[in-house]
Amino acid sequence: MKTPKLLPWHARKAGVPIERAEALWRKALREATADTGWVGTSEFWGAAEARFLELLAEEQSTLCAPHVETFVRSQHRMGLLPLLAAEQVFSAMSANWQRFCNQMNKAA
Protein backbone atom coordinates (compact mmCIF):
# COMPACT_ATOMS: atom_id res chain seq x y z
CA MET A 1 0.00 0.00 0.00
CA LYS A 2 1.20 3.50 -0.74
CA THR A 3 2.31 5.78 2.04
CA PRO A 4 0.49 9.08 2.63
CA LYS A 5 1.96 12.19 1.05
CA LEU A 6 2.34 13.84 4.46
CA LEU A 7 4.46 10.99 5.84
CA PRO A 8 7.83 12.71 5.11
CA TRP A 9 6.56 15.91 6.77
CA HIS A 10 5.40 14.02 9.87
CA ALA A 11 8.72 12.15 9.95
CA ARG A 12 10.79 15.35 9.75
CA LYS A 13 8.60 17.03 12.36
CA ALA A 14 9.16 14.13 14.75
CA GLY A 15 12.85 13.79 13.88
CA VAL A 16 12.39 10.21 12.70
CA PRO A 17 14.01 8.83 9.52
CA ILE A 18 11.57 8.36 6.64
CA GLU A 19 12.33 4.64 6.43
CA ARG A 20 11.37 4.21 10.08
CA ALA A 21 8.21 6.29 9.54
CA GLU A 22 7.25 4.02 6.64
CA ALA A 23 7.68 0.98 8.90
CA LEU A 24 5.50 2.65 11.53
CA TRP A 25 2.87 3.39 8.85
CA ARG A 26 2.78 -0.27 7.83
CA LYS A 27 2.41 -1.28 11.48
CA ALA A 28 -0.43 1.24 11.90
CA LEU A 29 -2.16 -0.25 8.84
CA ARG A 30 -1.89 -3.77 10.25
CA GLU A 31 -3.30 -2.66 13.60
CA ALA A 32 -6.11 -0.67 11.95
CA THR A 33 -7.02 -3.72 9.87
CA ALA A 34 -7.16 -5.85 13.01
CA ASP A 35 -9.24 -3.23 14.86
CA THR A 36 -11.77 -2.36 12.16
CA GLY A 37 -11.88 -5.56 10.14
CA TRP A 38 -12.41 -3.59 6.96
CA VAL A 39 -9.84 -2.09 4.63
CA GLY A 40 -10.44 1.14 2.76
CA THR A 41 -13.28 2.63 4.78
CA SER A 42 -13.07 6.04 6.38
CA GLU A 43 -13.08 4.38 9.80
CA PHE A 44 -10.09 2.28 8.75
CA TRP A 45 -8.10 5.28 7.48
CA GLY A 46 -8.95 7.33 10.55
CA ALA A 47 -7.80 4.52 12.84
CA ALA A 48 -4.64 4.01 10.76
CA GLU A 49 -3.72 7.69 10.87
CA ALA A 50 -4.44 8.01 14.58
CA ARG A 51 -2.36 4.94 15.36
CA PHE A 52 0.45 6.14 13.09
CA LEU A 53 0.64 9.46 14.94
CA GLU A 54 0.67 7.61 18.27
CA LEU A 55 3.49 5.33 17.09
CA LEU A 56 5.39 8.34 15.75
CA ALA A 57 5.05 10.14 19.09
CA GLU A 58 6.30 7.04 20.92
CA GLU A 59 9.25 6.80 18.54
CA GLN A 60 10.03 10.49 19.00
CA SER A 61 10.11 10.09 22.77
CA THR A 62 12.77 7.36 22.45
CA LEU A 63 15.09 9.58 20.43
CA CYS A 64 17.80 11.57 22.17
CA ALA A 65 17.69 14.49 19.75
CA PRO A 66 17.82 17.90 21.43
CA HIS A 67 15.03 20.34 20.66
CA VAL A 68 16.95 23.54 19.98
CA GLU A 69 14.85 24.97 17.17
CA THR A 70 13.12 27.63 19.29
CA PHE A 71 16.41 28.54 20.95
CA VAL A 72 18.09 29.07 17.58
CA ARG A 73 15.17 31.18 16.35
CA SER A 74 15.31 33.44 19.39
CA GLN A 75 19.08 33.79 19.06
CA HIS A 76 18.63 34.72 15.40
CA ARG A 77 16.12 37.43 16.34
CA MET A 78 18.39 38.77 19.07
CA GLY A 79 21.26 38.81 16.59
CA LEU A 80 19.17 40.96 14.26
CA LEU A 81 18.36 43.56 16.93
CA PRO A 82 21.58 45.61 16.50
CA LEU A 83 21.04 45.71 12.75
CA LEU A 84 17.44 46.81 13.16
CA ALA A 85 18.49 49.49 15.65
CA ALA A 86 21.19 50.75 13.28
CA GLU A 87 18.65 50.89 10.45
CA GLN A 88 16.33 53.00 12.62
CA VAL A 89 19.18 55.36 13.57
CA PHE A 90 20.22 55.83 9.95
CA SER A 91 16.61 56.42 8.90
CA ALA A 92 16.23 59.11 11.57
CA MET A 93 19.55 60.72 10.58
CA SER A 94 18.52 60.71 6.92
CA ALA A 95 15.14 62.29 7.70
CA ASN A 96 16.80 64.99 9.81
CA TRP A 97 19.39 65.65 7.10
CA GLN A 98 16.67 65.96 4.44
CA ARG A 99 14.73 68.36 6.67
CA PHE A 100 17.89 70.42 7.32
CA CYS A 101 18.73 70.60 3.59
CA ASN A 102 15.19 71.64 2.71
CA GLN A 103 15.31 74.45 5.29
CA MET A 104 18.67 75.64 3.91
CA ASN A 105 17.28 75.66 0.35
CA LYS A 106 14.23 77.66 1.41
CA ALA A 107 16.38 80.18 3.26
CA ALA A 108 18.60 80.73 0.23
PDB file of N, CA and C in Angstrom:
ATOM      1  N   MET A   1       0.836  -1.170   0.000  1.00  0.00           N
ATOM      2  CA  MET A   1       0.000   0.000   0.000  1.00  0.00           C
ATOM      3  C   MET A   1       0.886   1.240   0.000  1.00  0.00           C
ATOM      4  N   LYS A   2       0.432   2.266  -0.661  1.00  0.00           N
ATOM      5  CA  LYS A   2       1.198   3.501  -0.739  1.00  0.00           C
ATOM      6  C   LYS A   2       1.187   4.234   0.602  1.00  0.00           C
ATOM      7  N   THR A   3       2.243   4.978   0.818  1.00  0.00           N
ATOM      8  CA  THR A   3       2.311   5.782   2.039  1.00  0.00           C
ATOM      9  C   THR A   3       1.624   7.114   1.791  1.00  0.00           C
ATOM     10  N   PRO A   4       1.129   7.766   2.827  1.00  0.00           N
ATOM     11  CA  PRO A   4       0.494   9.076   2.629  1.00  0.00           C
ATOM     12  C   PRO A   4       1.525  10.123   2.221  1.00  0.00           C
ATOM     13  N   LYS A   5       1.058  11.140   1.530  1.00  0.00           N
ATOM     14  CA  LYS A   5       1.959  12.188   1.049  1.00  0.00           C
ATOM     15  C   LYS A   5       2.546  13.011   2.200  1.00  0.00           C
ATOM     16  N   LEU A   6       1.853  13.063   3.319  1.00  0.00           N
ATOM     17  CA  LEU A   6       2.340  13.839   4.461  1.00  0.00           C
ATOM     18  C   LEU A   6       3.313  13.061   5.340  1.00  0.00           C
ATOM     19  N   LEU A   7       3.578  11.804   5.006  1.00  0.00           N
ATOM     20  CA  LEU A   7       4.460  10.985   5.837  1.00  0.00           C
ATOM     21  C   LEU A   7       5.852  11.605   5.987  1.00  0.00           C
ATOM     22  N   PRO A   8       6.502  12.092   4.906  1.00  0.00           N
ATOM     23  CA  PRO A   8       7.825  12.715   5.109  1.00  0.00           C
ATOM     24  C   PRO A   8       7.767  13.944   6.018  1.00  0.00           C
ATOM     25  N   TRP A   9       6.692  14.716   5.923  1.00  0.00           N
ATOM     26  CA  TRP A   9       6.562  15.906   6.767  1.00  0.00           C
ATOM     27  C   TRP A   9       6.417  15.496   8.230  1.00  0.00           C
ATOM     28  N   HIS A  10       5.558  14.506   8.501  1.00  0.00           N
ATOM     29  CA  HIS A  10       5.396  14.022   9.875  1.00  0.00           C
ATOM     30  C   HIS A  10       6.721  13.461  10.400  1.00  0.00           C
ATOM     31  N   ALA A  11       7.443  12.740   9.531  1.00  0.00           N
ATOM     32  CA  ALA A  11       8.721  12.152   9.948  1.00  0.00           C
ATOM     33  C   ALA A  11       9.732  13.238  10.302  1.00  0.00           C
ATOM     34  N   ARG A  12       9.844  14.255   9.459  1.00  0.00           N
ATOM     35  CA  ARG A  12      10.787  15.351   9.753  1.00  0.00           C
ATOM     36  C   ARG A  12      10.388  16.092  11.006  1.00  0.00           C
ATOM     37  N   LYS A  13       9.089  16.319  11.177  1.00  0.00           N
ATOM     38  CA  LYS A  13       8.603  17.034  12.360  1.00  0.00           C
ATOM     39  C   LYS A  13       8.943  16.275  13.641  1.00  0.00           C
ATOM     40  N   ALA A  14       8.858  14.944  13.573  1.00  0.00           N
ATOM     41  CA  ALA A  14       9.157  14.126  14.752  1.00  0.00           C
ATOM     42  C   ALA A  14      10.640  13.812  14.870  1.00  0.00           C
ATOM     43  N   GLY A  15      11.423  14.091  13.831  1.00  0.00           N
ATOM     44  CA  GLY A  15      12.848  13.786  13.878  1.00  0.00           C
ATOM     45  C   GLY A  15      13.148  12.312  13.658  1.00  0.00           C
ATOM     46  N   VAL A  16      12.251  11.637  12.958  1.00  0.00           N
ATOM     47  CA  VAL A  16      12.388  10.205  12.697  1.00  0.00           C
ATOM     48  C   VAL A  16      12.781  10.024  11.231  1.00  0.00           C
ATOM     49  N   PRO A  17      13.677   9.086  10.924  1.00  0.00           N
ATOM     50  CA  PRO A  17      14.008   8.829   9.515  1.00  0.00           C
ATOM     51  C   PRO A  17      12.770   8.364   8.735  1.00  0.00           C
ATOM     52  N   ILE A  18      12.730   8.688   7.462  1.00  0.00           N
ATOM     53  CA  ILE A  18      11.569   8.355   6.639  1.00  0.00           C
ATOM     54  C   ILE A  18      11.368   6.844   6.558  1.00  0.00           C
ATOM     55  N   GLU A  19      12.459   6.101   6.496  1.00  0.00           N
ATOM     56  CA  GLU A  19      12.332   4.643   6.428  1.00  0.00           C
ATOM     57  C   GLU A  19      11.635   4.099   7.682  1.00  0.00           C
ATOM     58  N   ARG A  20      12.001   4.643   8.824  1.00  0.00           N
ATOM     59  CA  ARG A  20      11.369   4.207  10.082  1.00  0.00           C
ATOM     60  C   ARG A  20       9.907   4.637  10.113  1.00  0.00           C
ATOM     61  N   ALA A  21       9.600   5.826   9.585  1.00  0.00           N
ATOM     62  CA  ALA A  21       8.210   6.288   9.536  1.00  0.00           C
ATOM     63  C   ALA A  21       7.382   5.394   8.625  1.00  0.00           C
ATOM     64  N   GLU A  22       7.972   4.930   7.528  1.00  0.00           N
ATOM     65  CA  GLU A  22       7.251   4.018   6.643  1.00  0.00           C
ATOM     66  C   GLU A  22       6.955   2.693   7.356  1.00  0.00           C
ATOM     67  N   ALA A  23       7.910   2.205   8.135  1.00  0.00           N
ATOM     68  CA  ALA A  23       7.677   0.976   8.900  1.00  0.00           C
ATOM     69  C   ALA A  23       6.567   1.188   9.927  1.00  0.00           C
ATOM     70  N   LEU A  24       6.562   2.348  10.570  1.00  0.00           N
ATOM     71  CA  LEU A  24       5.500   2.650  11.532  1.00  0.00           C
ATOM     72  C   LEU A  24       4.142   2.751  10.836  1.00  0.00           C
ATOM     73  N   TRP A  25       4.115   3.290   9.620  1.00  0.00           N
ATOM     74  CA  TRP A  25       2.875   3.394   8.850  1.00  0.00           C
ATOM     75  C   TRP A  25       2.332   1.998   8.536  1.00  0.00           C
ATOM     76  N   ARG A  26       3.220   1.096   8.118  1.00  0.00           N
ATOM     77  CA  ARG A  26       2.782  -0.267   7.826  1.00  0.00           C
ATOM     78  C   ARG A  26       2.241  -0.949   9.087  1.00  0.00           C
ATOM     79  N   LYS A  27       2.893  -0.720  10.219  1.00  0.00           N
ATOM     80  CA  LYS A  27       2.413  -1.279  11.482  1.00  0.00           C
ATOM     81  C   LYS A  27       1.043  -0.704  11.842  1.00  0.00           C
ATOM     82  N   ALA A  28       0.860   0.598  11.622  1.00  0.00           N
ATOM     83  CA  ALA A  28      -0.429   1.236  11.899  1.00  0.00           C
ATOM     84  C   ALA A  28      -1.514   0.657  10.999  1.00  0.00           C
ATOM     85  N   LEU A  29      -1.185   0.364   9.740  1.00  0.00           N
ATOM     86  CA  LEU A  29      -2.160  -0.248   8.835  1.00  0.00           C
ATOM     87  C   LEU A  29      -2.562  -1.639   9.317  1.00  0.00           C
ATOM     88  N   ARG A  30      -1.579  -2.424   9.747  1.00  0.00           N
ATOM     89  CA  ARG A  30      -1.887  -3.766  10.248  1.00  0.00           C
ATOM     90  C   ARG A  30      -2.802  -3.695  11.469  1.00  0.00           C
ATOM     91  N   GLU A  31      -2.487  -2.780  12.385  1.00  0.00           N
ATOM     92  CA  GLU A  31      -3.302  -2.657  13.601  1.00  0.00           C
ATOM     93  C   GLU A  31      -4.695  -2.120  13.292  1.00  0.00           C
ATOM     94  N   ALA A  32      -4.789  -1.199  12.332  1.00  0.00           N
ATOM     95  CA  ALA A  32      -6.105  -0.674  11.955  1.00  0.00           C
ATOM     96  C   ALA A  32      -6.945  -1.751  11.290  1.00  0.00           C
ATOM     97  N   THR A  33      -6.303  -2.615  10.493  1.00  0.00           N
ATOM     98  CA  THR A  33      -7.022  -3.722   9.871  1.00  0.00           C
ATOM     99  C   THR A  33      -7.546  -4.670  10.936  1.00  0.00           C
ATOM    100  N   ALA A  34      -6.730  -4.958  11.931  1.00  0.00           N
ATOM    101  CA  ALA A  34      -7.159  -5.854  13.007  1.00  0.00           C
ATOM    102  C   ALA A  34      -8.279  -5.225  13.833  1.00  0.00           C
ATOM    103  N   ASP A  35      -8.226  -3.910  14.040  1.00  0.00           N
ATOM    104  CA  ASP A  35      -9.240  -3.228  14.863  1.00  0.00           C
ATOM    105  C   ASP A  35     -10.575  -3.094  14.137  1.00  0.00           C
ATOM    106  N   THR A  36     -10.531  -2.656  12.878  1.00  0.00           N
ATOM    107  CA  THR A  36     -11.775  -2.360  12.163  1.00  0.00           C
ATOM    108  C   THR A  36     -12.313  -3.553  11.397  1.00  0.00           C
ATOM    109  N   GLY A  37     -11.433  -4.413  10.909  1.00  0.00           N
ATOM    110  CA  GLY A  37     -11.881  -5.563  10.138  1.00  0.00           C
ATOM    111  C   GLY A  37     -12.141  -5.244   8.684  1.00  0.00           C
ATOM    112  N   TRP A  38     -12.177  -4.005   8.333  1.00  0.00           N
ATOM    113  CA  TRP A  38     -12.407  -3.591   6.957  1.00  0.00           C
ATOM    114  C   TRP A  38     -11.228  -2.763   6.486  1.00  0.00           C
ATOM    115  N   VAL A  39     -10.935  -2.873   5.208  1.00  0.00           N
ATOM    116  CA  VAL A  39      -9.840  -2.087   4.631  1.00  0.00           C
ATOM    117  C   VAL A  39     -10.436  -1.107   3.631  1.00  0.00           C
ATOM    118  N   GLY A  40     -10.024   0.138   3.735  1.00  0.00           N
ATOM    119  CA  GLY A  40     -10.445   1.137   2.763  1.00  0.00           C
ATOM    120  C   GLY A  40     -11.589   2.022   3.201  1.00  0.00           C
ATOM    121  N   THR A  41     -12.190   1.769   4.322  1.00  0.00           N
ATOM    122  CA  THR A  41     -13.277   2.629   4.778  1.00  0.00           C
ATOM    123  C   THR A  41     -12.698   3.852   5.497  1.00  0.00           C
ATOM    124  N   SER A  42     -13.536   4.834   5.692  1.00  0.00           N
ATOM    125  CA  SER A  42     -13.071   6.039   6.381  1.00  0.00           C
ATOM    126  C   SER A  42     -12.697   5.735   7.822  1.00  0.00           C
ATOM    127  N   GLU A  43     -13.412   4.794   8.427  1.00  0.00           N
ATOM    128  CA  GLU A  43     -13.084   4.385   9.797  1.00  0.00           C
ATOM    129  C   GLU A  43     -11.693   3.752   9.841  1.00  0.00           C
ATOM    130  N   PHE A  44     -11.397   2.933   8.839  1.00  0.00           N
ATOM    131  CA  PHE A  44     -10.088   2.281   8.749  1.00  0.00           C
ATOM    132  C   PHE A  44      -8.979   3.321   8.620  1.00  0.00           C
ATOM    133  N   TRP A  45      -9.150   4.279   7.700  1.00  0.00           N
ATOM    134  CA  TRP A  45      -8.100   5.281   7.475  1.00  0.00           C
ATOM    135  C   TRP A  45      -7.940   6.191   8.685  1.00  0.00           C
ATOM    136  N   GLY A  46      -9.042   6.520   9.333  1.00  0.00           N
ATOM    137  CA  GLY A  46      -8.955   7.329  10.554  1.00  0.00           C
ATOM    138  C   GLY A  46      -8.201   6.607  11.658  1.00  0.00           C
ATOM    139  N   ALA A  47      -8.493   5.309  11.815  1.00  0.00           N
ATOM    140  CA  ALA A  47      -7.796   4.519  12.837  1.00  0.00           C
ATOM    141  C   ALA A  47      -6.320   4.367  12.490  1.00  0.00           C
ATOM    142  N   ALA A  48      -6.035   4.167  11.194  1.00  0.00           N
ATOM    143  CA  ALA A  48      -4.641   4.014  10.759  1.00  0.00           C
ATOM    144  C   ALA A  48      -3.850   5.291  11.016  1.00  0.00           C
ATOM    145  N   GLU A  49      -4.434   6.428  10.674  1.00  0.00           N
ATOM    146  CA  GLU A  49      -3.724   7.692  10.870  1.00  0.00           C
ATOM    147  C   GLU A  49      -3.526   7.993  12.354  1.00  0.00           C
ATOM    148  N   ALA A  50      -4.552   7.759  13.141  1.00  0.00           N
ATOM    149  CA  ALA A  50      -4.436   8.014  14.585  1.00  0.00           C
ATOM    150  C   ALA A  50      -3.360   7.127  15.195  1.00  0.00           C
ATOM    151  N   ARG A  51      -3.368   5.853  14.815  1.00  0.00           N
ATOM    152  CA  ARG A  51      -2.359   4.936  15.363  1.00  0.00           C
ATOM    153  C   ARG A  51      -0.967   5.301  14.883  1.00  0.00           C
ATOM    154  N   PHE A  52      -0.851   5.734  13.616  1.00  0.00           N
ATOM    155  CA  PHE A  52       0.446   6.144  13.091  1.00  0.00           C
ATOM    156  C   PHE A  52       1.006   7.318  13.889  1.00  0.00           C
ATOM    157  N   LEU A  53       0.172   8.298  14.172  1.00  0.00           N
ATOM    158  CA  LEU A  53       0.638   9.463  14.939  1.00  0.00           C
ATOM    159  C   LEU A  53       1.017   9.066  16.361  1.00  0.00           C
ATOM    160  N   GLU A  54       0.294   8.104  16.942  1.00  0.00           N
ATOM    161  CA  GLU A  54       0.669   7.609  18.274  1.00  0.00           C
ATOM    162  C   GLU A  54       2.023   6.909  18.237  1.00  0.00           C
ATOM    163  N   LEU A  55       2.206   6.042  17.221  1.00  0.00           N
ATOM    164  CA  LEU A  55       3.488   5.334  17.091  1.00  0.00           C
ATOM    165  C   LEU A  55       4.630   6.309  16.838  1.00  0.00           C
ATOM    166  N   LEU A  56       4.356   7.338  16.047  1.00  0.00           N
ATOM    167  CA  LEU A  56       5.390   8.338  15.754  1.00  0.00           C
ATOM    168  C   LEU A  56       5.759   9.112  17.015  1.00  0.00           C
ATOM    169  N   ALA A  57       4.777   9.435  17.832  1.00  0.00           N
ATOM    170  CA  ALA A  57       5.052  10.140  19.090  1.00  0.00           C
ATOM    171  C   ALA A  57       5.856   9.258  20.038  1.00  0.00           C
ATOM    172  N   GLU A  58       5.524   7.959  20.082  1.00  0.00           N
ATOM    173  CA  GLU A  58       6.296   7.040  20.922  1.00  0.00           C
ATOM    174  C   GLU A  58       7.740   6.933  20.431  1.00  0.00           C
ATOM    175  N   GLU A  59       7.908   6.885  19.116  1.00  0.00           N
ATOM    176  CA  GLU A  59       9.249   6.798  18.537  1.00  0.00           C
ATOM    177  C   GLU A  59      10.034   8.074  18.819  1.00  0.00           C
ATOM    178  N   GLN A  60       9.370   9.210  18.740  1.00  0.00           N
ATOM    179  CA  GLN A  60      10.032  10.492  18.997  1.00  0.00           C
ATOM    180  C   GLN A  60      10.507  10.568  20.447  1.00  0.00           C
ATOM    181  N   SER A  61       9.724  10.018  21.364  1.00  0.00           N
ATOM    182  CA  SER A  61      10.113  10.089  22.774  1.00  0.00           C
ATOM    183  C   SER A  61      11.320   9.207  23.077  1.00  0.00           C
ATOM    184  N   THR A  62      11.600   8.221  22.229  1.00  0.00           N
ATOM    185  CA  THR A  62      12.769   7.365  22.452  1.00  0.00           C
ATOM    186  C   THR A  62      14.042   7.965  21.892  1.00  0.00           C
ATOM    187  N   LEU A  63      13.909   8.965  21.028  1.00  0.00           N
ATOM    188  CA  LEU A  63      15.090   9.582  20.427  1.00  0.00           C
ATOM    189  C   LEU A  63      15.761  10.524  21.424  1.00  0.00           C
ATOM    190  N   CYS A  64      17.043  10.682  21.278  1.00  0.00           N
ATOM    191  CA  CYS A  64      17.801  11.570  22.165  1.00  0.00           C
ATOM    192  C   CYS A  64      18.187  12.861  21.458  1.00  0.00           C
ATOM    193  N   ALA A  65      17.386  13.274  20.506  1.00  0.00           N
ATOM    194  CA  ALA A  65      17.691  14.489  19.750  1.00  0.00           C
ATOM    195  C   ALA A  65      17.287  15.714  20.568  1.00  0.00           C
ATOM    196  N   PRO A  66      18.180  16.686  20.691  1.00  0.00           N
ATOM    197  CA  PRO A  66      17.823  17.897  21.433  1.00  0.00           C
ATOM    198  C   PRO A  66      16.863  18.761  20.620  1.00  0.00           C
ATOM    199  N   HIS A  67      15.987  19.450  21.310  1.00  0.00           N
ATOM    200  CA  HIS A  67      15.035  20.344  20.659  1.00  0.00           C
ATOM    201  C   HIS A  67      15.529  21.779  20.828  1.00  0.00           C
ATOM    202  N   VAL A  68      16.328  22.230  19.879  1.00  0.00           N
ATOM    203  CA  VAL A  68      16.947  23.543  19.982  1.00  0.00           C
ATOM    204  C   VAL A  68      16.398  24.526  18.959  1.00  0.00           C
ATOM    205  N   GLU A  69      15.363  24.128  18.246  1.00  0.00           N
ATOM    206  CA  GLU A  69      14.853  24.971  17.173  1.00  0.00           C
ATOM    207  C   GLU A  69      14.385  26.335  17.690  1.00  0.00           C
ATOM    208  N   THR A  70      13.610  26.354  18.767  1.00  0.00           N
ATOM    209  CA  THR A  70      13.120  27.630  19.290  1.00  0.00           C
ATOM    210  C   THR A  70      14.267  28.464  19.845  1.00  0.00           C
ATOM    211  N   PHE A  71      15.254  27.822  20.441  1.00  0.00           N
ATOM    212  CA  PHE A  71      16.410  28.543  20.955  1.00  0.00           C
ATOM    213  C   PHE A  71      17.168  29.216  19.815  1.00  0.00           C
ATOM    214  N   VAL A  72      17.357  28.508  18.722  1.00  0.00           N
ATOM    215  CA  VAL A  72      18.088  29.068  17.584  1.00  0.00           C
ATOM    216  C   VAL A  72      17.307  30.226  16.978  1.00  0.00           C
ATOM    217  N   ARG A  73      15.981  30.079  16.888  1.00  0.00           N
ATOM    218  CA  ARG A  73      15.171  31.176  16.347  1.00  0.00           C
ATOM    219  C   ARG A  73      15.290  32.429  17.207  1.00  0.00           C
ATOM    220  N   SER A  74      15.228  32.267  18.524  1.00  0.00           N
ATOM    221  CA  SER A  74      15.314  33.439  19.391  1.00  0.00           C
ATOM    222  C   SER A  74      16.705  34.065  19.313  1.00  0.00           C
ATOM    223  N   GLN A  75      17.736  33.248  19.197  1.00  0.00           N
ATOM    224  CA  GLN A  75      19.083  33.787  19.056  1.00  0.00           C
ATOM    225  C   GLN A  75      19.224  34.538  17.738  1.00  0.00           C
ATOM    226  N   HIS A  76      18.587  34.039  16.699  1.00  0.00           N
ATOM    227  CA  HIS A  76      18.633  34.719  15.404  1.00  0.00           C
ATOM    228  C   HIS A  76      17.969  36.091  15.507  1.00  0.00           C
ATOM    229  N   ARG A  77      16.807  36.138  16.172  1.00  0.00           N
ATOM    230  CA  ARG A  77      16.118  37.425  16.336  1.00  0.00           C
ATOM    231  C   ARG A  77      16.952  38.393  17.166  1.00  0.00           C
ATOM    232  N   MET A  78      17.572  37.884  18.235  1.00  0.00           N
ATOM    233  CA  MET A  78      18.387  38.766  19.072  1.00  0.00           C
ATOM    234  C   MET A  78      19.625  39.228  18.314  1.00  0.00           C
ATOM    235  N   GLY A  79      20.126  38.409  17.407  1.00  0.00           N
ATOM    236  CA  GLY A  79      21.261  38.813  16.587  1.00  0.00           C
ATOM    237  C   GLY A  79      20.889  39.904  15.597  1.00  0.00           C
ATOM    238  N   LEU A  80      19.630  39.936  15.198  1.00  0.00           N
ATOM    239  CA  LEU A  80      19.174  40.963  14.258  1.00  0.00           C
ATOM    240  C   LEU A  80      18.892  42.306  14.927  1.00  0.00           C
ATOM    241  N   LEU A  81      18.724  42.327  16.247  1.00  0.00           N
ATOM    242  CA  LEU A  81      18.362  43.565  16.930  1.00  0.00           C
ATOM    243  C   LEU A  81      19.345  44.711  16.695  1.00  0.00           C
ATOM    244  N   PRO A  82      20.671  44.494  16.775  1.00  0.00           N
ATOM    245  CA  PRO A  82      21.576  45.614  16.504  1.00  0.00           C
ATOM    246  C   PRO A  82      21.447  46.143  15.077  1.00  0.00           C
ATOM    247  N   LEU A  83      21.210  45.262  14.132  1.00  0.00           N
ATOM    248  CA  LEU A  83      21.042  45.712  12.748  1.00  0.00           C
ATOM    249  C   LEU A  83      19.763  46.517  12.583  1.00  0.00           C
ATOM    250  N   LEU A  84      18.694  46.073  13.228  1.00  0.00           N
ATOM    251  CA  LEU A  84      17.440  46.813  13.159  1.00  0.00           C
ATOM    252  C   LEU A  84      17.571  48.176  13.841  1.00  0.00           C
ATOM    253  N   ALA A  85      18.276  48.220  14.959  1.00  0.00           N
ATOM    254  CA  ALA A  85      18.488  49.493  15.649  1.00  0.00           C
ATOM    255  C   ALA A  85      19.322  50.430  14.784  1.00  0.00           C
ATOM    256  N   ALA A  86      20.358  49.913  14.150  1.00  0.00           N
ATOM    257  CA  ALA A  86      21.193  50.752  13.277  1.00  0.00           C
ATOM    258  C   ALA A  86      20.370  51.272  12.103  1.00  0.00           C
ATOM    259  N   GLU A  87      19.501  50.456  11.557  1.00  0.00           N
ATOM    260  CA  GLU A  87      18.648  50.892  10.455  1.00  0.00           C
ATOM    261  C   GLU A  87      17.742  52.043  10.893  1.00  0.00           C
ATOM    262  N   GLN A  88      17.182  51.939  12.104  1.00  0.00           N
ATOM    263  CA  GLN A  88      16.329  53.002  12.617  1.00  0.00           C
ATOM    264  C   GLN A  88      17.121  54.295  12.835  1.00  0.00           C
ATOM    265  N   VAL A  89      18.340  54.177  13.348  1.00  0.00           N
ATOM    266  CA  VAL A  89      19.183  55.359  13.574  1.00  0.00           C
ATOM    267  C   VAL A  89      19.501  56.033  12.246  1.00  0.00           C
ATOM    268  N   PHE A  90      19.879  55.243  11.255  1.00  0.00           N
ATOM    269  CA  PHE A  90      20.219  55.831   9.953  1.00  0.00           C
ATOM    270  C   PHE A  90      18.998  56.438   9.273  1.00  0.00           C
ATOM    271  N   SER A  91      17.838  55.842   9.459  1.00  0.00           N
ATOM    272  CA  SER A  91      16.605  56.420   8.904  1.00  0.00           C
ATOM    273  C   SER A  91      16.312  57.766   9.556  1.00  0.00           C
ATOM    274  N   ALA A  92      16.473  57.846  10.870  1.00  0.00           N
ATOM    275  CA  ALA A  92      16.230  59.107  11.573  1.00  0.00           C
ATOM    276  C   ALA A  92      17.242  60.166  11.146  1.00  0.00           C
ATOM    277  N   MET A  93      18.518  59.763  11.011  1.00  0.00           N
ATOM    278  CA  MET A  93      19.548  60.716  10.575  1.00  0.00           C
ATOM    279  C   MET A  93      19.261  61.215   9.163  1.00  0.00           C
ATOM    280  N   SER A  94      18.830  60.325   8.292  1.00  0.00           N
ATOM    281  CA  SER A  94      18.521  60.711   6.918  1.00  0.00           C
ATOM    282  C   SER A  94      17.344  61.674   6.870  1.00  0.00           C
ATOM    283  N   ALA A  95      16.309  61.401   7.671  1.00  0.00           N
ATOM    284  CA  ALA A  95      15.141  62.291   7.703  1.00  0.00           C
ATOM    285  C   ALA A  95      15.536  63.667   8.232  1.00  0.00           C
ATOM    286  N   ASN A  96      16.354  63.701   9.274  1.00  0.00           N
ATOM    287  CA  ASN A  96      16.805  64.991   9.806  1.00  0.00           C
ATOM    288  C   ASN A  96      17.668  65.730   8.796  1.00  0.00           C
ATOM    289  N   TRP A  97      18.531  65.017   8.097  1.00  0.00           N
ATOM    290  CA  TRP A  97      19.391  65.653   7.096  1.00  0.00           C
ATOM    291  C   TRP A  97      18.552  66.221   5.958  1.00  0.00           C
ATOM    292  N   GLN A  98      17.548  65.470   5.504  1.00  0.00           N
ATOM    293  CA  GLN A  98      16.667  65.957   4.443  1.00  0.00           C
ATOM    294  C   GLN A  98      15.926  67.214   4.902  1.00  0.00           C
ATOM    295  N   ARG A  99      15.448  67.197   6.138  1.00  0.00           N
ATOM    296  CA  ARG A  99      14.732  68.360   6.673  1.00  0.00           C
ATOM    297  C   ARG A  99      15.671  69.569   6.762  1.00  0.00           C
ATOM    298  N   PHE A 100      16.914  69.340   7.209  1.00  0.00           N
ATOM    299  CA  PHE A 100      17.892  70.419   7.317  1.00  0.00           C
ATOM    300  C   PHE A 100      18.217  70.988   5.936  1.00  0.00           C
ATOM    301  N   CYS A 101      18.417  70.138   4.950  1.00  0.00           N
ATOM    302  CA  CYS A 101      18.735  70.600   3.591  1.00  0.00           C
ATOM    303  C   CYS A 101      17.575  71.370   2.987  1.00  0.00           C
ATOM    304  N   ASN A 102      16.343  70.922   3.238  1.00  0.00           N
ATOM    305  CA  ASN A 102      15.186  71.637   2.709  1.00  0.00           C
ATOM    306  C   ASN A 102      15.064  73.023   3.339  1.00  0.00           C
ATOM    307  N   GLN A 103      15.363  73.153   4.632  1.00  0.00           N
ATOM    308  CA  GLN A 103      15.314  74.454   5.295  1.00  0.00           C
ATOM    309  C   GLN A 103      16.403  75.377   4.727  1.00  0.00           C
ATOM    310  N   MET A 104      17.575  74.825   4.469  1.00  0.00           N
ATOM    311  CA  MET A 104      18.667  75.638   3.910  1.00  0.00           C
ATOM    312  C   MET A 104      18.327  76.104   2.511  1.00  0.00           C
ATOM    313  N   ASN A 105      17.669  75.273   1.710  1.00  0.00           N
ATOM    314  CA  ASN A 105      17.281  75.656   0.348  1.00  0.00           C
ATOM    315  C   ASN A 105      16.218  76.724   0.365  1.00  0.00           C
ATOM    316  N   LYS A 106      15.289  76.657   1.314  1.00  0.00           N
ATOM    317  CA  LYS A 106      14.230  77.660   1.406  1.00  0.00           C
ATOM    318  C   LYS A 106      14.799  78.993   1.871  1.00  0.00           C
ATOM    319  N   ALA A 107      15.793  78.943   2.736  1.00  0.00           N
ATOM    320  CA  ALA A 107      16.375  80.182   3.260  1.00  0.00           C
ATOM    321  C   ALA A 107      17.209  80.891   2.187  1.00  0.00           C
ATOM    322  N   ALA A 108      17.723  80.125   1.250  1.00  0.00           N
ATOM    323  CA  ALA A 108      18.596  80.726   0.233  1.00  0.00           C
ATOM    324  C   ALA A 108      17.846  81.306  -0.894  1.00  0.00           C
TER     325      ALA A 108
END
